Amino acid sequence: MTEGLAPLVQNLKALRSQLEEADALVKERQTIMNANHDYQTLLNAKVAKQQLEEKIAAAETETRTQAVAVFRATNSKEPVPGISIKIFTVLKYDKAVAEEWARVHAPAVFKFDAKAFEKVAVALSAPVESIEEPRAQIASKLE
């Protein structure tokens, strides 16, 4: 009965060995690239670009905040060229009150969370059957 399993294990062992060799080759090539001046220049350029993107994001946030403050003070929807204020409708509510209301009046808005349910199902005596299921675990080092 186990004779069909042995070749599978040997194949898996061979594939893992090939992966170790490929990983060693990748590490070797990465070491060579890291020593290359052009590659280092590229990495430095990527870091500089990332830093600029972060500065731009911070500057945009500050600009938006200031533009909204100017709008609140002046009611001008175009406080300066290139900046416009748009008005959005936002709902404000107490989450617990809204959730209770929705459970009664709009139950379709709730999504069943299977993972959360499975964590509490047995403890809460939910209508579930608890069964044991065999699962194979493969050793990380095959002999």
Protein backbone atom coordinates (compact mmCIF):
# COMPACT_ATOMS: atom_id res chain seq x y z
CA MET A 1 0.00 0.00 0.00
CA THR A 2 2.88 2.39 0.73
CA GLU A 3 4.82 1.39 -2.41
CA GLY A 4 3.23 4.25 -4.40
CA LEU A 5 4.27 6.79 -1.78
CA ALA A 6 8.03 6.08 -1.84
CA PRO A 7 8.58 7.34 -5.43
CA LEU A 8 6.63 10.50 -4.59
CA VAL A 9 8.84 11.16 -1.58
CA GLN A 10 11.99 10.56 -3.66
CA ASN A 11 10.72 12.95 -6.35
CA LEU A 12 9.96 15.58 -3.72
CA LYS A 13 13.42 15.12 -2.22
CA ALA A 14 15.03 15.57 -5.66
CA LEU A 15 12.98 18.70 -6.37
CA ARG A 16 13.94 20.20 -3.02
CA SER A 17 17.59 19.48 -3.76
CA GLN A 18 17.25 21.25 -7.11
CA LEU A 19 15.65 24.19 -5.33
CA GLU A 20 18.60 24.39 -2.91
CA GLU A 21 20.98 24.48 -5.89
CA ALA A 22 18.91 27.16 -7.61
CA ASP A 23 18.80 29.19 -4.39
CA ALA A 24 22.60 28.96 -4.07
CA LEU A 25 22.97 30.15 -7.68
CA VAL A 26 20.62 33.09 -7.06
CA LYS A 27 22.59 34.07 -3.95
CA GLU A 28 25.87 33.83 -5.88
CA ARG A 29 24.54 35.99 -8.73
CA GLN A 30 23.11 38.49 -6.22
CA THR A 31 26.52 38.80 -4.58
CA ILE A 32 28.09 39.49 -7.97
CA MET A 33 25.43 42.09 -8.80
CA ASN A 34 25.77 43.78 -5.42
CA ALA A 35 29.46 44.30 -6.16
CA ASN A 36 28.68 45.89 -9.54
CA HIS A 37 28.90 49.72 -9.51
CA ASP A 38 26.03 50.16 -12.01
CA TYR A 39 23.77 47.96 -9.92
CA GLN A 40 24.61 49.96 -6.79
CA THR A 41 23.83 53.16 -8.71
CA LEU A 42 20.45 51.69 -9.67
CA LEU A 43 19.72 50.74 -6.05
CA ASN A 44 20.67 54.23 -4.88
CA ALA A 45 18.39 55.76 -7.54
CA LYS A 46 15.51 53.55 -6.38
CA VAL A 47 16.06 54.65 -2.77
CA ALA A 48 16.16 58.31 -3.82
CA LYS A 49 12.96 57.82 -5.84
CA GLN A 50 11.22 56.19 -2.87
CA GLN A 51 12.26 59.07 -0.61
CA LEU A 52 10.90 61.59 -3.13
CA GLU A 53 7.61 59.69 -3.36
CA GLU A 54 7.32 59.82 0.44
CA LYS A 55 8.08 63.56 0.48
CA ILE A 56 5.49 64.15 -2.25
CA ALA A 57 2.86 62.19 -0.31
CA ALA A 58 3.57 64.27 2.81
CA ALA A 59 3.50 67.52 0.82
CA GLU A 60 0.21 66.53 -0.83
CA THR A 61 -1.35 65.76 2.55
CA GLU A 62 -0.20 69.11 3.95
CA THR A 63 -1.42 70.94 0.83
CA ARG A 64 -4.85 69.27 1.00
CA THR A 65 -5.19 70.06 4.70
CA GLN A 66 -4.27 73.71 4.13
CA ALA A 67 -6.57 73.98 1.09
CA VAL A 68 -9.54 72.68 3.12
CA ALA A 69 -8.69 75.15 5.90
CA VAL A 70 -8.68 77.99 3.34
CA PHE A 71 -12.02 76.75 1.96
CA ARG A 72 -13.55 76.68 5.44
CA ALA A 73 -12.38 80.26 6.02
CA THR A 74 -13.25 81.71 2.58
CA ASN A 75 -15.76 79.26 1.05
CA SER A 76 -13.65 79.44 -2.15
CA LYS A 77 -13.64 76.16 -4.08
CA GLU A 78 -10.51 77.26 -6.01
CA PRO A 79 -8.25 78.78 -3.36
CA VAL A 80 -5.22 78.90 -5.68
CA PRO A 81 -4.55 77.77 -9.26
CA GLY A 82 -4.21 73.99 -9.45
CA ILE A 83 -6.19 73.33 -6.29
CA SER A 84 -9.93 72.73 -6.24
CA ILE A 85 -12.25 71.76 -3.45
CA LYS A 86 -14.85 69.07 -4.05
CA ILE A 87 -17.68 68.36 -1.66
CA PHE A 88 -18.49 64.75 -0.75
CA THR A 89 -21.39 63.39 1.28
CA VAL A 90 -20.13 61.34 4.21
CA LEU A 91 -22.37 59.41 6.58
CA LYS A 92 -21.63 59.71 10.29
CA TYR A 93 -23.17 57.19 12.67
CA ASP A 94 -22.63 55.10 15.76
CA LYS A 95 -21.41 51.75 14.42
CA ALA A 96 -23.14 49.64 17.08
CA VAL A 97 -26.50 51.38 16.59
CA ALA A 98 -26.20 51.15 12.80
CA GLU A 99 -25.26 47.48 12.94
CA GLU A 100 -28.24 46.62 15.15
CA TRP A 101 -30.59 48.57 12.85
CA ALA A 102 -29.15 46.85 9.75
CA ARG A 103 -29.52 43.37 11.26
CA VAL A 104 -33.26 44.01 11.57
CA HIS A 105 -33.93 46.11 8.46
CA ALA A 106 -31.21 45.07 5.97
CA PRO A 107 -29.78 41.64 6.87
CA ALA A 108 -28.41 41.22 3.32
CA VAL A 109 -25.61 43.72 4.06
CA PHE A 110 -23.89 41.26 6.37
CA LYS A 111 -21.31 38.85 4.99
CA PHE A 112 -20.86 35.48 6.66
CA ASP A 113 -17.34 35.21 8.14
CA ALA A 114 -16.63 31.48 8.07
CA LYS A 115 -13.28 31.74 9.89
CA ALA A 116 -14.76 33.75 12.76
CA PHE A 117 -17.74 31.39 12.92
CA GLU A 118 -15.51 28.30 13.08
CA LYS A 119 -13.56 29.78 16.00
CA VAL A 120 -16.68 30.06 18.17
CA ALA A 121 -19.08 27.48 16.69
CA VAL A 122 -18.33 24.59 19.05
CA ALA A 123 -18.16 26.77 22.17
CA LEU A 124 -21.52 28.34 21.32
CA SER A 125 -23.17 25.00 20.48
CA ALA A 126 -23.82 25.99 16.90
CA PRO A 127 -25.37 23.34 14.64
CA VAL A 128 -22.05 21.90 13.46
CA GLU A 129 -20.40 18.50 13.46
CA SER A 130 -16.81 18.33 14.64
CA ILE A 131 -14.86 15.67 12.77
CA GLU A 132 -11.21 14.68 12.68
CA GLU A 133 -9.58 14.96 9.27
CA PRO A 134 -6.22 13.37 8.43
CA ARG A 135 -3.67 15.65 6.77
CA ALA A 136 -0.18 14.64 5.63
CA GLN A 137 2.74 16.64 6.93
CA ILE A 138 6.02 16.41 5.04
CA ALA A 139 9.34 16.73 6.86
CA SER A 140 11.45 19.64 5.70
CA LYS A 141 14.49 17.31 5.44
CA LEU A 142 13.70 14.11 3.57
CA GLU A 143 16.01 11.15 3.88
